[in-house]
Amino acid sequence: MENRKTKYMVTSGFLGAGKTTSMIAFAREINRRGENTAAILANDLGAGNIVDAEFCAAAGVMTLSISGGCICYKHDDLVARMSQLESAGADIIFSDIPGCGIGAMDHVYMELDEKEKGRFDLMPFTCIVDPERLRMIMPEGNTMNLPEEMRFLLNAQMAEADLIVLNKIDTLEEGEIGDIVEFIEEIYPRTPVMCMSATKGTGVREVVDYILSNRSEALHREIGYDSEEFIAAEDKLSWFNTRVFMQQRSGKNLDFNEVIDHIFEGIRKGLTERGGNVPHLKMFAADSDEELTDFFKASLLGVDYPVQYDRRLDREYSALSLIINARCAADPVVMAEVVDEAVDRVSDVYDMKVRTFFMETFGMMEEGKGNIGKASRYDQR
């Protein structure tokens, strides 16, 4: 009997569209059925300390990370990681591409089809979109205080996809869903459009049915990759990642939900004062790196938006390690200053010692280069 090929899917989408939550929802639906084992390969440009990998593992899905650059430039590393997941029992693998990344149809799918001929069954290249980000290119033209150049990336992501999935439909009225789907179909009439809420589970089963029963042709699509518009858009984005350890000086237990909320608001205030923004800011903290029985995960999709909570801590702690990942429409050095100020402020308010074990900042235009601006440090405040 012939062995079945491992199914693989790239999940793209604009910052904050819900790529990670979608991959978790797809993997859980597949694993629930019991016929296959789905796993996630979390990708990021940074060197490590990535919220998405921690969150996937906490969600109970087999997960590996691939960091230090986009999978578009890491073919051998990508195949090696997929082999690890296969060895652990996975026969369906989902991976994302970082932030506003484009070009993975050529640099991932077409390379896998050419260099690993017949080894992987390539599921539809899927772009996750959310209603708020789509407003940037809809007739109302809401920029959400993001640079005008960002519109190019959102359009290019949808143009590249085999399947477009409108996520977060639980935030919309029925009529709004229809209007948005009609808008997408007018621009990309040859691309199937489906709807779901990854957090609520609505429509997830139907999307999984589709991606499991269809295959990408892995053909080049002209999306303006490496064009002047692409360069201008990516030049507006920067990355910031850090891990800090916070400890109450007298050993008193704290409500770290409140502490982290204050950090979010400090970052919001600092960016607003400097005219910057964060298309996606994520924070993750857990009771331990091994157990992950109690954890916090939340996101901010811009300085004008409320914090979105995936989970809050159930218990109080005297010390906690916090990962912060920010994809910024701001100078990376400015972003580092803003985060430092916010963390310093809460350390004073809650009488905490703060140790920074890891920090890196770099511009998105450095993506894929040999040195992407990694700078790690250890300090204590």
Protein backbone atom coordinates (compact mmCIF):
# COMPACT_ATOMS: atom_id res chain seq x y z
CA MET A 1 0.00 0.00 0.00
CA GLU A 2 1.39 3.39 -1.04
CA ASN A 3 2.25 5.80 1.75
CA ARG A 4 0.20 8.96 1.84
CA LYS A 5 2.08 12.18 1.21
CA THR A 6 2.23 14.75 3.98
CA LYS A 7 -0.14 17.62 3.33
CA TYR A 8 1.30 21.11 3.75
CA MET A 9 -0.30 24.55 3.69
CA VAL A 10 1.04 28.11 3.88
CA THR A 11 -1.22 30.53 5.72
CA SER A 12 -0.68 34.18 4.84
CA GLY A 13 -2.47 37.34 5.89
CA PHE A 14 -2.05 40.90 7.07
CA LEU A 15 -0.84 41.63 10.58
CA GLY A 16 -3.59 40.85 13.07
CA ALA A 17 -5.80 38.90 10.65
CA GLY A 18 -5.70 35.85 12.92
CA LYS A 19 -3.29 33.53 11.11
CA THR A 20 -2.12 31.72 14.24
CA THR A 21 -5.61 31.38 15.68
CA SER A 22 -6.79 30.07 12.31
CA MET A 23 -4.03 27.46 12.10
CA ILE A 24 -4.87 26.32 15.63
CA ALA A 25 -8.56 26.06 14.71
CA PHE A 26 -7.76 24.06 11.55
CA ALA A 27 -5.38 21.73 13.41
CA ARG A 28 -7.83 21.12 16.24
CA GLU A 29 -10.66 20.33 13.81
CA ILE A 30 -8.46 17.85 11.94
CA ASN A 31 -7.16 16.24 15.13
CA ARG A 32 -10.68 16.01 16.51
CA ARG A 33 -11.71 13.90 13.52
CA GLY A 34 -9.05 11.35 14.42
CA GLU A 35 -8.05 10.41 10.87
CA ASN A 36 -4.93 12.59 10.67
CA THR A 37 -2.51 14.40 12.94
CA ALA A 38 -2.08 18.10 12.25
CA ALA A 39 0.87 20.21 13.41
CA ILE A 40 1.96 23.83 13.15
CA LEU A 41 5.25 25.33 12.08
CA ALA A 42 5.36 28.88 13.48
CA ASN A 43 7.58 31.20 11.44
CA ASP A 44 9.05 34.57 12.36
CA LEU A 45 11.82 36.87 11.19
CA GLY A 46 13.18 37.20 14.72
CA ALA A 47 15.78 35.07 16.44
CA GLY A 48 13.43 33.54 18.99
CA ASN A 49 11.07 34.24 21.89
CA ILE A 50 8.05 34.20 19.60
CA VAL A 51 4.51 34.47 21.00
CA ASP A 52 2.89 32.41 18.23
CA ALA A 53 4.98 29.29 18.90
CA GLU A 54 4.25 29.47 22.63
CA PHE A 55 0.53 30.05 22.00
CA CYS A 56 0.23 27.09 19.59
CA ALA A 57 1.92 24.79 22.10
CA ALA A 58 -0.32 26.08 24.90
CA ALA A 59 -3.33 25.34 22.70
CA GLY A 60 -2.36 21.66 22.67
CA VAL A 61 -1.22 21.46 19.05
CA MET A 62 2.09 19.85 18.05
CA THR A 63 4.31 22.83 17.23
CA LEU A 64 7.81 23.66 16.05
CA SER A 65 9.20 27.11 15.34
CA ILE A 66 11.37 28.28 12.49
CA SER A 67 12.91 31.65 13.28
CA GLY A 68 15.65 33.96 12.08
CA GLY A 69 14.02 34.74 8.73
CA CYS A 70 11.03 34.09 6.50
CA ILE A 71 10.53 30.53 5.22
CA CYS A 72 10.76 32.07 1.73
CA TYR A 73 14.53 32.13 2.25
CA LYS A 74 14.97 28.97 4.35
CA HIS A 75 14.07 26.01 2.14
CA ASP A 76 16.41 23.48 3.73
CA ASP A 77 15.43 24.56 7.24
CA LEU A 78 11.74 24.36 6.32
CA VAL A 79 12.07 20.82 4.96
CA ALA A 80 14.11 19.74 7.99
CA ARG A 81 11.46 21.07 10.39
CA MET A 82 8.69 19.36 8.43
CA SER A 83 10.65 16.12 8.61
CA GLN A 84 10.83 16.52 12.39
CA LEU A 85 7.07 16.94 12.58
CA GLU A 86 6.55 13.94 10.30
CA SER A 87 8.77 11.85 12.56
CA ALA A 88 6.62 12.93 15.52
CA GLY A 89 3.51 11.64 13.72
CA ALA A 90 2.19 14.67 11.82
CA ASP A 91 0.79 14.10 8.35
CA ILE A 92 -0.76 17.57 7.90
CA ILE A 93 1.39 20.65 8.52
CA PHE A 94 0.37 24.30 8.60
CA SER A 95 2.85 27.15 8.55
CA ASP A 96 2.54 30.90 8.35
CA ILE A 97 4.74 33.57 6.85
CA PRO A 98 5.68 36.58 8.95
CA GLY A 99 3.55 39.69 9.25
CA CYS A 100 2.85 41.20 5.87
CA GLY A 101 4.98 38.74 3.95
CA ILE A 102 4.33 38.00 0.28
CA GLY A 103 6.08 35.83 -2.30
CA ALA A 104 5.71 32.45 -0.62
CA MET A 105 3.87 30.99 -3.62
CA ASP A 106 7.08 31.31 -5.63
CA HIS A 107 9.65 30.87 -2.88
CA VAL A 108 7.95 28.13 -0.85
CA TYR A 109 5.32 26.28 -2.89
CA MET A 110 7.08 26.37 -6.24
CA GLU A 111 10.43 25.48 -4.66
CA LEU A 112 8.90 22.55 -2.78
CA ASP A 113 7.24 21.40 -6.00
CA GLU A 114 10.56 21.60 -7.85
CA LYS A 115 13.15 20.53 -5.27
CA GLU A 116 11.07 17.99 -3.32
CA LYS A 117 9.15 16.60 -6.27
CA GLY A 118 6.22 14.45 -5.17
CA ARG A 119 7.09 14.51 -1.47
CA PHE A 120 4.42 16.95 -0.25
CA ASP A 121 0.78 17.42 -1.13
CA LEU A 122 0.41 21.20 -1.32
CA MET A 123 -2.96 22.32 0.02
CA PRO A 124 -4.45 25.62 -1.22
CA PHE A 125 -2.26 28.62 -0.42
CA THR A 126 -4.63 30.39 1.97
CA CYS A 127 -4.86 34.09 2.81
CA ILE A 128 -6.66 35.00 6.04
CA VAL A 129 -8.26 38.45 5.97
CA ASP A 130 -10.12 40.33 8.66
CA PRO A 131 -12.84 42.99 8.25
CA GLU A 132 -10.94 45.88 9.82
CA ARG A 133 -7.84 45.51 7.67
CA LEU A 134 -9.97 45.15 4.53
CA ARG A 135 -11.39 48.62 5.15
CA MET A 136 -8.01 49.98 4.00
CA ILE A 137 -8.83 48.99 0.42
CA MET A 138 -12.63 49.18 0.52
CA PRO A 139 -14.44 52.29 -0.79
CA GLU A 140 -14.47 53.98 2.64
CA GLY A 141 -10.66 53.87 2.60
CA ASN A 142 -10.08 53.76 6.35
CA THR A 143 -6.29 53.85 6.89
CA MET A 144 -6.49 53.07 10.64
CA ASN A 145 -3.51 55.40 11.11
CA LEU A 146 -1.34 53.01 9.12
CA PRO A 147 0.92 54.14 6.27
CA GLU A 148 -0.77 54.35 2.87
CA GLU A 149 1.79 51.89 1.50
CA MET A 150 0.27 49.05 3.56
CA ARG A 151 -2.58 48.74 1.06
CA PHE A 152 -0.19 47.24 -1.48
CA LEU A 153 0.72 44.37 0.84
CA LEU A 154 -2.89 43.50 1.65
CA ASN A 155 -3.83 43.45 -2.04
CA ALA A 156 -0.75 41.40 -2.94
CA GLN A 157 -1.53 38.78 -0.29
CA MET A 158 -5.00 38.20 -1.69
CA ALA A 159 -3.74 38.20 -5.28
CA GLU A 160 -1.26 35.43 -4.39
CA ALA A 161 -3.77 33.13 -2.71
CA ASP A 162 -5.56 30.00 -3.91
CA LEU A 163 -8.19 30.62 -1.23
CA ILE A 164 -9.25 33.77 0.64
CA VAL A 165 -10.86 33.26 4.05
CA LEU A 166 -12.71 36.14 5.68
CA ASN A 167 -12.07 35.67 9.40
CA LYS A 168 -13.72 37.23 12.48
CA ILE A 169 -17.24 37.13 11.04
CA ASP A 170 -18.50 37.05 14.63
CA THR A 171 -17.70 40.78 14.71
CA LEU A 172 -19.99 41.51 11.73
CA GLU A 173 -23.68 41.75 10.96
CA GLU A 174 -25.03 39.37 8.32
CA GLY A 175 -25.37 42.11 5.73
CA GLU A 176 -21.81 43.28 6.32
CA ILE A 177 -20.46 39.77 5.65
CA GLY A 178 -22.22 39.67 2.29
CA ASP A 179 -20.95 43.12 1.31
CA ILE A 180 -17.34 42.25 2.14
CA VAL A 181 -17.46 38.90 0.32
CA GLU A 182 -18.95 40.62 -2.72
CA PHE A 183 -16.17 43.22 -2.62
CA ILE A 184 -13.44 40.54 -2.52
CA GLU A 185 -15.08 38.50 -5.29
CA GLU A 186 -15.24 41.57 -7.54
CA ILE A 187 -11.48 42.11 -7.21
CA TYR A 188 -10.48 38.43 -7.35
CA PRO A 189 -13.28 36.67 -9.26
CA ARG A 190 -11.27 33.48 -9.85
CA THR A 191 -10.36 32.93 -6.19
CA PRO A 192 -12.77 31.09 -3.86
CA VAL A 193 -13.84 33.10 -0.81
CA MET A 194 -14.98 31.43 2.42
CA CYS A 195 -16.03 32.84 5.81
CA MET A 196 -15.33 31.77 9.37
CA SER A 197 -14.65 32.82 12.93
CA ALA A 198 -11.51 31.02 14.09
CA THR A 199 -12.18 31.95 17.72
CA LYS A 200 -15.85 30.90 17.75
CA GLY A 201 -15.45 27.93 15.39
CA THR A 202 -18.11 29.08 12.94
CA GLY A 203 -17.26 27.95 9.41
CA VAL A 204 -14.01 26.22 10.42
CA ARG A 205 -15.27 22.74 9.51
CA GLU A 206 -16.22 23.90 6.00
CA VAL A 207 -12.84 25.55 5.43
CA VAL A 208 -11.04 22.40 6.60
CA ASP A 209 -13.16 20.26 4.27
CA TYR A 210 -12.15 22.50 1.38
CA ILE A 211 -8.40 22.65 2.06
CA LEU A 212 -8.20 18.89 2.61
CA SER A 213 -9.96 18.10 -0.66
CA ASN A 214 -8.19 20.62 -2.93
CA ARG A 215 -4.61 21.12 -4.04
CA SER A 216 -2.61 24.14 -5.10
CA GLU A 217 -1.32 24.21 -8.66
CA ALA A 218 1.77 26.06 -7.34
CA LEU A 219 1.87 28.50 -10.23
CA HIS A 220 3.47 31.94 -10.33
CA ARG A 221 1.16 34.91 -9.95
CA GLU A 222 2.25 38.44 -10.70
CA ILE A 223 1.78 40.33 -7.42
CA GLY A 224 4.42 43.05 -7.68
CA TYR A 225 7.01 41.27 -5.55
CA ASP A 226 10.23 43.34 -5.42
CA SER A 227 8.45 46.27 -7.11
CA GLU A 228 8.85 49.86 -5.95
CA GLU A 229 5.48 49.57 -4.18
CA PHE A 230 6.64 46.45 -2.35
CA ILE A 231 9.87 48.09 -1.23
CA ALA A 232 8.04 51.23 -0.09
CA ALA A 233 5.53 49.17 1.92
CA GLU A 234 8.08 46.97 3.67
CA ASP A 235 10.26 50.01 4.39
CA LYS A 236 7.48 51.27 6.67
CA LEU A 237 7.56 48.20 8.92
CA SER A 238 9.89 47.12 11.70
CA TRP A 239 10.12 44.23 14.15
CA PHE A 240 10.61 44.31 17.92
CA ASN A 241 10.88 41.22 20.14
CA THR A 242 11.77 40.95 23.81
CA ARG A 243 11.49 38.66 26.83
CA VAL A 244 11.49 40.23 30.27
CA PHE A 245 11.40 38.57 33.69
CA MET A 246 9.43 40.51 36.31
CA GLN A 247 9.73 39.73 40.02
CA GLN A 248 8.01 41.44 42.94
CA ARG A 249 10.78 42.57 45.29
CA SER A 250 9.16 41.40 48.53
CA GLY A 251 7.80 38.14 47.04
CA LYS A 252 4.19 39.37 47.10
CA ASN A 253 1.77 37.76 44.66
CA LEU A 254 0.49 40.08 41.95
CA ASP A 255 -2.36 40.05 39.47
CA PHE A 256 -0.17 39.97 36.36
CA ASN A 257 -3.23 40.43 34.17
CA GLU A 258 -3.34 43.94 35.57
CA VAL A 259 0.41 44.40 35.24
CA ILE A 260 0.39 43.39 31.56
CA ASP A 261 -2.68 45.54 30.88
CA HIS A 262 -0.69 48.52 32.18
CA ILE A 263 2.20 47.64 29.86
CA PHE A 264 -0.19 47.55 26.89
CA GLU A 265 -1.55 50.97 27.81
CA GLY A 266 1.93 52.37 28.37
CA ILE A 267 2.97 51.25 24.88
CA ARG A 268 -0.21 52.67 23.38
CA LYS A 269 0.43 56.03 25.08
CA GLY A 270 4.10 56.14 24.09
CA LEU A 271 3.42 55.38 20.43
CA THR A 272 0.54 57.85 20.24
CA GLU A 273 2.76 60.60 21.62
CA ARG A 274 5.45 59.80 19.02
CA GLY A 275 3.07 59.37 16.07
CA GLY A 276 3.79 55.63 15.71
CA ASN A 277 1.53 52.61 15.50
CA VAL A 278 1.57 48.82 15.88
CA PRO A 279 -0.34 46.86 13.24
CA HIS A 280 0.17 43.93 15.62
CA LEU A 281 1.48 43.79 19.19
CA LYS A 282 1.33 40.45 21.02
CA MET A 283 2.14 39.48 24.58
CA PHE A 284 2.38 36.01 26.12
CA ALA A 285 3.13 34.83 29.66
CA ALA A 286 2.76 31.37 31.23
CA ASP A 287 3.14 29.69 34.58
CA SER A 288 6.09 27.68 33.23
CA ASP A 289 7.76 26.88 29.91
CA GLU A 290 6.95 23.19 30.33
CA GLU A 291 3.44 22.89 31.74
CA LEU A 292 1.62 25.86 30.16
CA THR A 293 -1.39 25.14 32.36
CA ASP A 294 -2.04 28.81 33.06
CA PHE A 295 -1.18 31.45 30.50
CA PHE A 296 -1.93 34.93 29.21
CA LYS A 297 -2.15 35.84 25.54
CA ALA A 298 -3.46 39.11 24.12
CA SER A 299 -3.04 41.32 21.07
CA LEU A 300 -3.32 44.96 20.09
CA LEU A 301 -4.13 45.72 16.45
CA GLY A 302 -3.36 49.42 16.60
CA VAL A 303 -3.23 52.36 18.98
CA ASP A 304 -6.91 53.11 18.31
CA TYR A 305 -8.16 49.61 19.15
CA PRO A 306 -8.96 47.81 22.41
CA VAL A 307 -6.75 44.95 23.54
CA GLN A 308 -8.04 41.55 22.35
CA TYR A 309 -7.65 38.77 24.91
CA ASP A 310 -7.29 35.12 23.91
CA ARG A 311 -6.74 34.10 27.52
CA ARG A 312 -6.01 35.71 30.89
CA LEU A 313 -4.16 34.21 33.85
CA ASP A 314 -6.23 32.32 36.42
CA ARG A 315 -3.79 32.72 39.31
CA GLU A 316 -1.55 35.34 40.88
CA TYR A 317 2.26 35.08 40.87
CA SER A 318 5.22 36.78 42.50
CA ALA A 319 7.27 36.50 39.29
CA LEU A 320 6.55 35.94 35.63
CA SER A 321 8.34 35.89 32.27
CA LEU A 322 6.70 37.98 29.53
CA ILE A 323 7.27 37.76 25.77
CA ILE A 324 6.45 40.86 23.72
CA ASN A 325 6.38 40.77 19.91
CA ALA A 326 5.59 43.98 18.01
CA ARG A 327 5.27 44.55 14.29
CA CYS A 328 5.51 48.31 14.08
CA ALA A 329 4.77 51.20 11.79
CA ALA A 330 7.48 53.06 13.69
CA ASP A 331 11.24 53.25 13.88
CA PRO A 332 12.45 50.10 15.69
CA VAL A 333 14.63 52.12 18.06
CA VAL A 334 11.63 54.26 18.99
CA MET A 335 9.60 51.09 19.60
CA ALA A 336 12.30 49.78 21.93
CA GLU A 337 12.27 53.05 23.87
CA VAL A 338 8.47 52.96 24.18
CA VAL A 339 8.46 49.38 25.51
CA ASP A 340 11.29 50.10 27.94
CA GLU A 341 9.41 53.11 29.31
CA ALA A 342 6.19 51.08 29.73
CA VAL A 343 7.99 48.24 31.53
CA ASP A 344 9.96 50.66 33.73
CA ARG A 345 6.72 52.37 34.72
CA VAL A 346 5.05 49.16 35.92
CA SER A 347 8.21 48.06 37.69
CA ASP A 348 7.97 51.23 39.77
CA VAL A 349 4.22 50.95 40.37
CA TYR A 350 4.37 47.29 41.46
CA ASP A 351 7.84 47.41 43.07
CA MET A 352 9.33 44.82 40.74
CA LYS A 353 12.81 43.88 39.61
CA VAL A 354 12.89 43.52 35.83
CA ARG A 355 15.48 41.56 33.90
CA THR A 356 15.61 41.76 30.12
CA PHE A 357 16.94 38.42 28.87
CA PHE A 358 16.45 39.03 25.17
CA MET A 359 15.76 41.98 22.91
CA GLU A 360 16.00 42.53 19.17
CA THR A 361 14.88 45.26 16.80
CA PHE A 362 15.23 45.41 13.04
CA GLY A 363 13.59 46.87 9.97
CA MET A 364 11.54 44.59 7.75
CA MET A 365 13.70 45.51 4.75
CA GLU A 366 16.49 43.56 6.45
CA GLU A 367 14.40 40.37 6.08
CA GLY A 368 16.26 37.47 4.54
CA LYS A 369 19.68 39.06 4.92
CA GLY A 370 22.55 37.30 6.66
CA ASN A 371 22.44 39.75 9.55
CA ILE A 372 18.90 40.86 10.32
CA GLY A 373 19.84 43.21 13.10
CA LYS A 374 19.63 40.77 15.98
CA ALA A 375 20.76 42.30 19.24
CA SER A 376 20.28 40.32 22.42
CA ARG A 377 21.08 41.61 25.87
CA TYR A 378 20.79 40.86 29.54
CA ASP A 379 20.18 43.67 31.98
CA GLN A 380 18.45 44.23 35.28
CA ARG A 381 16.36 47.15 36.43
